N, C-alpha and C. Protein backbone atom coordinates (compact mmCIF):
# COMPACT_ATOMS: atom_id res chain seq x y z
N UNK A 1 -17.81 13.17 35.41
CA UNK A 1 -17.13 11.90 35.56
C UNK A 1 -18.17 10.83 35.87
N UNK A 2 -18.02 9.68 35.28
CA UNK A 2 -18.88 8.54 35.59
C UNK A 2 -18.27 7.75 36.74
N UNK A 3 -19.11 7.25 37.63
CA UNK A 3 -18.68 6.35 38.69
C UNK A 3 -19.35 5.01 38.43
N UNK A 4 -18.57 4.07 37.98
CA UNK A 4 -19.10 2.75 37.68
C UNK A 4 -19.36 2.01 39.00
N UNK A 5 -20.52 1.35 39.08
CA UNK A 5 -20.87 0.60 40.29
C UNK A 5 -21.58 -0.68 39.90
N UNK A 6 -21.61 -1.60 40.86
CA UNK A 6 -22.29 -2.88 40.69
C UNK A 6 -23.10 -3.15 41.95
N UNK A 7 -24.38 -3.51 41.77
CA UNK A 7 -25.20 -3.91 42.91
C UNK A 7 -24.94 -5.38 43.19
N UNK A 8 -24.67 -5.69 44.46
CA UNK A 8 -24.28 -7.04 44.85
C UNK A 8 -25.40 -7.84 45.50
N UNK A 9 -26.52 -7.19 45.80
CA UNK A 9 -27.63 -7.89 46.43
C UNK A 9 -28.95 -7.26 45.99
N UNK A 10 -30.03 -7.98 46.21
CA UNK A 10 -31.35 -7.46 45.86
C UNK A 10 -31.73 -6.25 46.71
N UNK A 11 -31.14 -6.13 47.90
CA UNK A 11 -31.47 -5.01 48.80
C UNK A 11 -30.58 -3.79 48.59
N UNK A 12 -29.63 -3.89 47.68
CA UNK A 12 -28.70 -2.78 47.44
C UNK A 12 -29.38 -1.68 46.62
N UNK A 13 -28.95 -0.45 46.88
CA UNK A 13 -29.43 0.71 46.13
C UNK A 13 -28.23 1.46 45.59
N UNK A 14 -28.39 2.02 44.42
CA UNK A 14 -27.30 2.77 43.79
C UNK A 14 -26.92 3.98 44.64
N UNK A 15 -25.63 4.31 44.69
CA UNK A 15 -25.25 5.57 45.31
C UNK A 15 -25.96 6.70 44.58
N UNK A 16 -26.43 7.71 45.32
CA UNK A 16 -27.22 8.76 44.67
C UNK A 16 -27.04 10.10 45.38
N UNK A 17 -27.20 11.17 44.61
CA UNK A 17 -27.18 12.52 45.15
C UNK A 17 -28.57 12.84 45.69
N UNK A 18 -28.65 13.42 46.88
CA UNK A 18 -29.94 13.82 47.43
C UNK A 18 -30.46 15.07 46.72
N UNK A 19 -29.53 15.96 46.34
CA UNK A 19 -29.90 17.21 45.68
C UNK A 19 -28.93 17.47 44.55
N UNK A 20 -29.40 18.14 43.51
CA UNK A 20 -28.53 18.53 42.41
C UNK A 20 -27.39 19.39 42.94
N UNK A 21 -26.20 19.09 42.50
CA UNK A 21 -25.03 19.85 42.93
C UNK A 21 -24.36 19.35 44.18
N UNK A 22 -24.96 18.35 44.87
CA UNK A 22 -24.33 17.79 46.07
C UNK A 22 -22.99 17.14 45.72
N UNK A 23 -22.01 17.30 46.59
CA UNK A 23 -20.70 16.67 46.39
C UNK A 23 -20.75 15.19 46.73
N UNK A 24 -21.48 14.85 47.79
CA UNK A 24 -21.51 13.48 48.28
C UNK A 24 -22.65 12.68 47.67
N UNK A 25 -22.39 11.39 47.52
CA UNK A 25 -23.39 10.42 47.10
C UNK A 25 -23.86 9.66 48.33
N UNK A 26 -25.15 9.57 48.53
CA UNK A 26 -25.67 8.81 49.67
C UNK A 26 -25.41 7.32 49.49
N UNK A 27 -24.97 6.68 50.57
CA UNK A 27 -24.83 5.22 50.62
C UNK A 27 -25.94 4.69 51.51
N UNK A 28 -26.59 3.63 51.06
CA UNK A 28 -27.75 3.05 51.74
C UNK A 28 -27.39 1.69 52.33
N UNK A 29 -28.00 1.36 53.44
CA UNK A 29 -27.80 0.05 54.06
C UNK A 29 -28.50 -1.02 53.23
N UNK A 30 -27.80 -2.12 52.99
CA UNK A 30 -28.39 -3.26 52.31
C UNK A 30 -28.71 -4.38 53.31
N UNK A 31 -28.48 -4.09 54.57
CA UNK A 31 -28.78 -5.04 55.65
C UNK A 31 -29.15 -4.24 56.89
N UNK A 32 -29.90 -4.86 57.76
CA UNK A 32 -30.29 -4.18 58.99
C UNK A 32 -29.24 -4.41 60.07
N UNK A 33 -29.26 -3.53 61.05
CA UNK A 33 -28.34 -3.66 62.19
C UNK A 33 -28.96 -2.96 63.38
N UNK A 34 -28.55 -3.40 64.56
CA UNK A 34 -28.99 -2.79 65.80
C UNK A 34 -27.75 -2.40 66.59
N UNK A 35 -27.64 -1.11 66.92
CA UNK A 35 -26.46 -0.62 67.63
C UNK A 35 -26.86 -0.13 69.02
N UNK A 36 -26.39 -0.83 70.02
CA UNK A 36 -26.58 -0.38 71.40
C UNK A 36 -25.66 0.81 71.64
N UNK A 37 -25.95 1.65 72.64
CA UNK A 37 -25.06 2.77 72.95
C UNK A 37 -23.62 2.29 73.17
N UNK A 38 -22.68 3.01 72.56
CA UNK A 38 -21.27 2.67 72.71
C UNK A 38 -20.80 1.53 71.82
N UNK A 39 -21.68 0.94 71.03
CA UNK A 39 -21.31 -0.20 70.19
C UNK A 39 -21.14 0.23 68.75
N UNK A 40 -20.46 -0.60 67.98
CA UNK A 40 -20.24 -0.33 66.57
C UNK A 40 -20.70 -1.53 65.75
N UNK A 41 -20.92 -1.28 64.45
CA UNK A 41 -21.34 -2.35 63.54
C UNK A 41 -20.84 -2.04 62.14
N UNK A 42 -20.46 -3.08 61.43
CA UNK A 42 -20.10 -2.98 60.03
C UNK A 42 -21.35 -3.28 59.23
N UNK A 43 -21.84 -2.29 58.49
CA UNK A 43 -23.10 -2.42 57.75
C UNK A 43 -22.79 -2.41 56.26
N UNK A 44 -23.21 -3.46 55.57
CA UNK A 44 -22.98 -3.56 54.14
C UNK A 44 -23.92 -2.69 53.33
N UNK A 45 -23.39 -2.16 52.23
CA UNK A 45 -24.21 -1.37 51.33
C UNK A 45 -24.69 -2.19 50.13
N UNK A 46 -24.07 -3.35 49.92
CA UNK A 46 -24.42 -4.16 48.76
C UNK A 46 -23.96 -3.55 47.45
N UNK A 47 -22.99 -2.63 47.52
CA UNK A 47 -22.51 -1.92 46.34
C UNK A 47 -20.99 -2.06 46.26
N UNK A 48 -20.49 -2.30 45.05
CA UNK A 48 -19.06 -2.22 44.76
C UNK A 48 -18.89 -1.13 43.72
N UNK A 49 -17.79 -0.39 43.79
CA UNK A 49 -17.56 0.71 42.86
C UNK A 49 -16.20 0.58 42.20
N UNK A 50 -16.03 1.32 41.11
CA UNK A 50 -14.77 1.40 40.40
C UNK A 50 -14.30 2.85 40.46
N UNK A 51 -13.48 3.14 41.46
CA UNK A 51 -12.95 4.49 41.62
C UNK A 51 -11.97 4.74 40.48
N UNK A 52 -12.13 5.85 39.74
CA UNK A 52 -11.24 6.13 38.62
C UNK A 52 -9.79 6.30 39.07
N UNK A 53 -8.84 5.90 38.24
CA UNK A 53 -7.42 6.12 38.57
C UNK A 53 -7.16 7.59 38.86
N UNK A 54 -6.27 7.85 39.83
CA UNK A 54 -5.95 9.21 40.22
C UNK A 54 -6.96 9.82 41.17
N UNK A 55 -7.93 9.00 41.59
CA UNK A 55 -8.97 9.45 42.52
C UNK A 55 -9.05 8.50 43.70
N UNK A 56 -9.71 8.96 44.76
CA UNK A 56 -9.96 8.13 45.94
C UNK A 56 -11.41 8.34 46.34
N UNK A 57 -11.99 7.33 46.95
CA UNK A 57 -13.32 7.46 47.52
C UNK A 57 -13.19 7.68 49.01
N UNK A 58 -13.91 8.67 49.53
CA UNK A 58 -13.92 8.93 50.97
C UNK A 58 -15.32 8.67 51.49
N UNK A 59 -15.45 7.79 52.47
CA UNK A 59 -16.74 7.51 53.10
C UNK A 59 -16.85 8.42 54.32
N UNK A 60 -17.88 9.26 54.31
CA UNK A 60 -18.04 10.31 55.31
C UNK A 60 -19.35 10.13 56.07
N UNK A 61 -19.41 10.63 57.31
CA UNK A 61 -20.65 10.52 58.09
C UNK A 61 -21.74 11.43 57.55
N UNK A 62 -22.97 11.12 57.91
CA UNK A 62 -24.12 11.97 57.60
C UNK A 62 -24.39 12.85 58.81
N UNK A 63 -24.43 14.17 58.59
CA UNK A 63 -24.58 15.10 59.71
C UNK A 63 -25.92 14.91 60.42
N UNK A 64 -26.98 14.58 59.70
CA UNK A 64 -28.27 14.39 60.33
C UNK A 64 -28.27 13.22 61.31
N UNK A 65 -27.62 12.11 60.95
CA UNK A 65 -27.53 10.97 61.87
C UNK A 65 -26.71 11.33 63.10
N UNK A 66 -25.66 12.11 62.90
CA UNK A 66 -24.82 12.51 64.03
C UNK A 66 -25.59 13.44 64.96
N UNK A 67 -26.27 14.42 64.39
CA UNK A 67 -26.97 15.42 65.22
C UNK A 67 -28.17 14.82 65.95
N UNK A 68 -28.94 14.01 65.25
CA UNK A 68 -30.18 13.48 65.85
C UNK A 68 -29.98 12.24 66.71
N UNK A 69 -28.99 11.40 66.35
CA UNK A 69 -28.87 10.10 67.01
C UNK A 69 -27.48 9.79 67.57
N UNK A 70 -26.50 10.66 67.32
CA UNK A 70 -25.15 10.39 67.80
C UNK A 70 -24.45 9.29 67.02
N UNK A 71 -24.83 9.10 65.76
CA UNK A 71 -24.22 8.06 64.94
C UNK A 71 -23.03 8.63 64.19
N UNK A 72 -21.87 8.04 64.42
CA UNK A 72 -20.62 8.48 63.80
C UNK A 72 -20.03 7.32 63.01
N UNK A 73 -18.97 7.60 62.29
CA UNK A 73 -18.22 6.55 61.61
C UNK A 73 -16.93 6.31 62.38
N UNK A 74 -16.64 5.06 62.64
CA UNK A 74 -15.47 4.70 63.44
C UNK A 74 -14.18 5.20 62.78
N UNK A 75 -14.07 5.05 61.48
CA UNK A 75 -12.83 5.39 60.78
C UNK A 75 -13.03 6.54 59.79
N UNK A 76 -13.77 7.55 60.19
CA UNK A 76 -14.06 8.65 59.27
C UNK A 76 -12.83 9.50 59.02
N UNK A 77 -12.51 9.79 57.77
CA UNK A 77 -13.16 9.21 56.61
C UNK A 77 -12.59 7.84 56.29
N UNK A 78 -13.43 6.98 55.79
CA UNK A 78 -12.97 5.69 55.27
C UNK A 78 -12.40 5.92 53.88
N UNK A 79 -11.30 5.27 53.57
CA UNK A 79 -10.62 5.47 52.29
C UNK A 79 -10.84 4.28 51.38
N UNK A 80 -11.28 4.55 50.15
CA UNK A 80 -11.44 3.51 49.13
C UNK A 80 -10.45 3.80 48.02
N UNK A 81 -9.47 2.93 47.86
CA UNK A 81 -8.48 3.08 46.81
C UNK A 81 -9.05 2.64 45.47
N UNK A 82 -8.46 3.12 44.38
CA UNK A 82 -8.99 2.84 43.06
C UNK A 82 -8.90 1.36 42.67
N UNK A 83 -8.06 0.60 43.32
CA UNK A 83 -7.94 -0.82 42.99
C UNK A 83 -8.93 -1.72 43.71
N UNK A 84 -9.66 -1.20 44.69
CA UNK A 84 -10.59 -2.03 45.48
C UNK A 84 -11.88 -2.24 44.71
N UNK A 85 -12.34 -3.48 44.66
CA UNK A 85 -13.57 -3.81 43.94
C UNK A 85 -14.58 -4.54 44.81
N UNK A 86 -14.35 -4.62 46.10
CA UNK A 86 -15.26 -5.32 47.00
C UNK A 86 -16.42 -4.45 47.45
N UNK A 87 -17.27 -5.04 48.28
CA UNK A 87 -18.44 -4.33 48.80
C UNK A 87 -18.02 -3.16 49.69
N UNK A 88 -18.71 -2.04 49.54
CA UNK A 88 -18.52 -0.92 50.45
C UNK A 88 -19.27 -1.24 51.74
N UNK A 89 -18.55 -1.19 52.84
CA UNK A 89 -19.13 -1.42 54.15
C UNK A 89 -18.88 -0.16 54.98
N UNK A 90 -19.82 0.16 55.86
CA UNK A 90 -19.74 1.37 56.66
C UNK A 90 -19.65 0.97 58.12
N UNK A 91 -18.62 1.49 58.81
CA UNK A 91 -18.41 1.17 60.22
C UNK A 91 -19.09 2.23 61.08
N UNK A 92 -20.31 1.94 61.51
CA UNK A 92 -21.10 2.88 62.30
C UNK A 92 -20.78 2.72 63.79
N UNK A 93 -20.83 3.83 64.51
CA UNK A 93 -20.61 3.86 65.95
C UNK A 93 -21.74 4.65 66.59
N UNK A 94 -22.38 4.06 67.59
CA UNK A 94 -23.46 4.74 68.31
C UNK A 94 -22.87 5.44 69.52
N UNK A 95 -22.75 6.77 69.44
CA UNK A 95 -22.24 7.56 70.56
C UNK A 95 -23.39 8.10 71.41
N UNK A 96 -24.61 7.77 71.05
CA UNK A 96 -25.79 8.27 71.77
C UNK A 96 -26.11 7.44 73.00
N UNK A 97 -27.27 7.73 73.61
CA UNK A 97 -27.69 7.07 74.84
C UNK A 97 -28.75 5.99 74.61
N UNK A 98 -29.23 5.85 73.38
CA UNK A 98 -30.29 4.88 73.09
C UNK A 98 -29.87 3.98 71.94
N UNK A 99 -30.48 2.80 71.90
CA UNK A 99 -30.23 1.87 70.80
C UNK A 99 -30.65 2.54 69.49
N UNK A 100 -29.88 2.29 68.42
CA UNK A 100 -30.20 2.82 67.10
C UNK A 100 -30.39 1.66 66.14
N UNK A 101 -31.49 1.69 65.43
CA UNK A 101 -31.82 0.64 64.47
C UNK A 101 -31.54 1.13 63.05
N UNK A 102 -30.82 0.32 62.30
CA UNK A 102 -30.58 0.58 60.89
C UNK A 102 -31.47 -0.36 60.11
N UNK A 103 -32.27 0.19 59.21
CA UNK A 103 -33.14 -0.61 58.35
C UNK A 103 -32.58 -0.63 56.94
N UNK A 104 -32.89 -1.69 56.22
CA UNK A 104 -32.50 -1.79 54.82
C UNK A 104 -33.04 -0.56 54.09
N UNK A 105 -32.18 0.09 53.33
CA UNK A 105 -32.57 1.27 52.57
C UNK A 105 -32.24 2.59 53.26
N UNK A 106 -31.93 2.57 54.56
CA UNK A 106 -31.57 3.79 55.26
C UNK A 106 -30.28 4.38 54.68
N UNK A 107 -30.23 5.71 54.59
CA UNK A 107 -29.00 6.39 54.21
C UNK A 107 -28.08 6.39 55.43
N UNK A 108 -26.90 5.80 55.28
CA UNK A 108 -26.02 5.62 56.44
C UNK A 108 -24.69 6.37 56.33
N UNK A 109 -24.33 6.83 55.14
CA UNK A 109 -23.06 7.54 54.96
C UNK A 109 -23.10 8.25 53.61
N UNK A 110 -22.04 8.99 53.35
CA UNK A 110 -21.87 9.66 52.07
C UNK A 110 -20.55 9.25 51.46
N UNK A 111 -20.52 9.22 50.14
CA UNK A 111 -19.31 8.88 49.40
C UNK A 111 -18.88 10.09 48.59
N UNK A 112 -17.63 10.48 48.76
CA UNK A 112 -17.06 11.59 48.00
C UNK A 112 -15.92 11.03 47.16
N UNK A 113 -15.97 11.28 45.86
CA UNK A 113 -14.87 10.89 44.97
C UNK A 113 -14.03 12.13 44.74
N UNK A 114 -12.74 12.03 45.02
CA UNK A 114 -11.87 13.20 44.93
C UNK A 114 -10.53 12.84 44.30
N UNK A 115 -9.97 13.76 43.50
CA UNK A 115 -8.63 13.51 42.96
C UNK A 115 -7.58 13.64 44.07
N UNK A 116 -6.46 13.00 43.85
CA UNK A 116 -5.37 13.15 44.82
C UNK A 116 -4.05 13.30 44.07
N UNK A 117 -3.09 13.90 44.75
CA UNK A 117 -1.74 14.04 44.20
C UNK A 117 -0.93 12.84 44.67
N UNK A 118 -0.44 12.07 43.75
CA UNK A 118 0.40 10.93 44.11
C UNK A 118 1.70 11.44 44.72
N UNK A 119 2.10 10.88 45.83
CA UNK A 119 3.32 11.32 46.51
C UNK A 119 4.22 10.11 46.74
N UNK A 120 5.48 10.26 46.40
CA UNK A 120 6.48 9.23 46.66
C UNK A 120 7.35 9.70 47.81
N UNK A 121 7.42 8.94 48.89
CA UNK A 121 8.26 9.34 50.03
C UNK A 121 9.74 9.43 49.64
N UNK A 122 10.40 10.50 50.05
CA UNK A 122 11.82 10.71 49.81
C UNK A 122 12.45 11.08 51.14
N UNK A 123 13.36 10.23 51.61
CA UNK A 123 14.03 10.52 52.89
C UNK A 123 15.06 11.63 52.70
N UNK A 124 15.05 12.58 53.66
CA UNK A 124 16.01 13.68 53.65
C UNK A 124 16.62 13.81 55.03
N UNK A 125 17.69 14.57 55.14
CA UNK A 125 18.31 14.77 56.45
C UNK A 125 17.73 15.99 57.15
N UNK A 126 17.15 16.92 56.40
CA UNK A 126 16.54 18.13 56.96
C UNK A 126 15.25 18.41 56.22
N UNK A 127 14.26 18.92 56.94
CA UNK A 127 13.01 19.38 56.33
C UNK A 127 13.06 20.89 56.20
N UNK A 128 12.37 21.43 55.24
CA UNK A 128 12.34 22.87 55.04
C UNK A 128 11.68 23.57 56.21
N UNK A 129 12.05 24.83 56.44
CA UNK A 129 11.48 25.59 57.57
C UNK A 129 10.02 25.96 57.29
N UNK A 130 9.27 26.21 58.39
CA UNK A 130 7.90 26.70 58.29
C UNK A 130 7.62 27.59 59.49
N UNK A 131 6.60 28.40 59.41
CA UNK A 131 6.24 29.27 60.52
C UNK A 131 5.83 28.47 61.75
N UNK A 132 5.21 27.33 61.56
CA UNK A 132 4.73 26.52 62.67
C UNK A 132 5.84 25.68 63.28
N UNK A 133 6.73 25.19 62.46
CA UNK A 133 7.80 24.34 62.96
C UNK A 133 7.27 23.04 63.51
N UNK A 134 7.71 22.67 64.71
CA UNK A 134 7.31 21.39 65.30
C UNK A 134 6.12 21.53 66.26
N UNK A 135 5.48 22.69 66.29
CA UNK A 135 4.34 22.89 67.18
C UNK A 135 3.22 21.92 66.86
N UNK A 136 2.82 21.13 67.83
CA UNK A 136 1.79 20.10 67.63
C UNK A 136 0.46 20.48 68.23
N UNK A 137 -0.19 19.52 68.84
CA UNK A 137 -1.52 19.72 69.43
C UNK A 137 -1.50 20.90 70.40
N UNK A 138 -2.43 21.81 70.20
CA UNK A 138 -2.55 22.96 71.09
C UNK A 138 -1.54 24.06 70.84
N UNK A 139 -0.76 23.93 69.79
CA UNK A 139 0.30 24.92 69.57
C UNK A 139 -0.23 26.29 69.14
N UNK A 140 -1.49 26.37 68.73
CA UNK A 140 -2.05 27.67 68.32
C UNK A 140 -2.59 28.44 69.52
N UNK A 141 -2.56 27.83 70.71
CA UNK A 141 -3.01 28.49 71.92
C UNK A 141 -4.51 28.44 72.14
N UNK A 142 -5.21 27.64 71.39
CA UNK A 142 -6.67 27.53 71.54
C UNK A 142 -7.06 26.20 72.09
């Protein structure tokens, strides 16, 4: 599948796979940012994409940033609908103890393009039975 994209600034870099066969495409910062501990920032990638119909884009955290620096995504996963054509921005959160600097060109997130099943809500008076039933948080006993 082709993923059509447009670079919106001179500092933007194309989404790219780090290794052959990778599911995620690396997203790079097109602007710098400084995140103090406990703070968040919206960092632009300078890229707009055309998600194919019947698919969604999911913006996911990078495990290396999380493990080494405590950098997470505020709204992970971020959802990109197929009709959106604006700049991809990444909402970074510094959960670590030290300031984190984002430089232009840094890999800050991953993009996964995935198909989805369209669902139309249908109101009913009863839901079908299941083994779990209404058991919520902690219902598995762990």
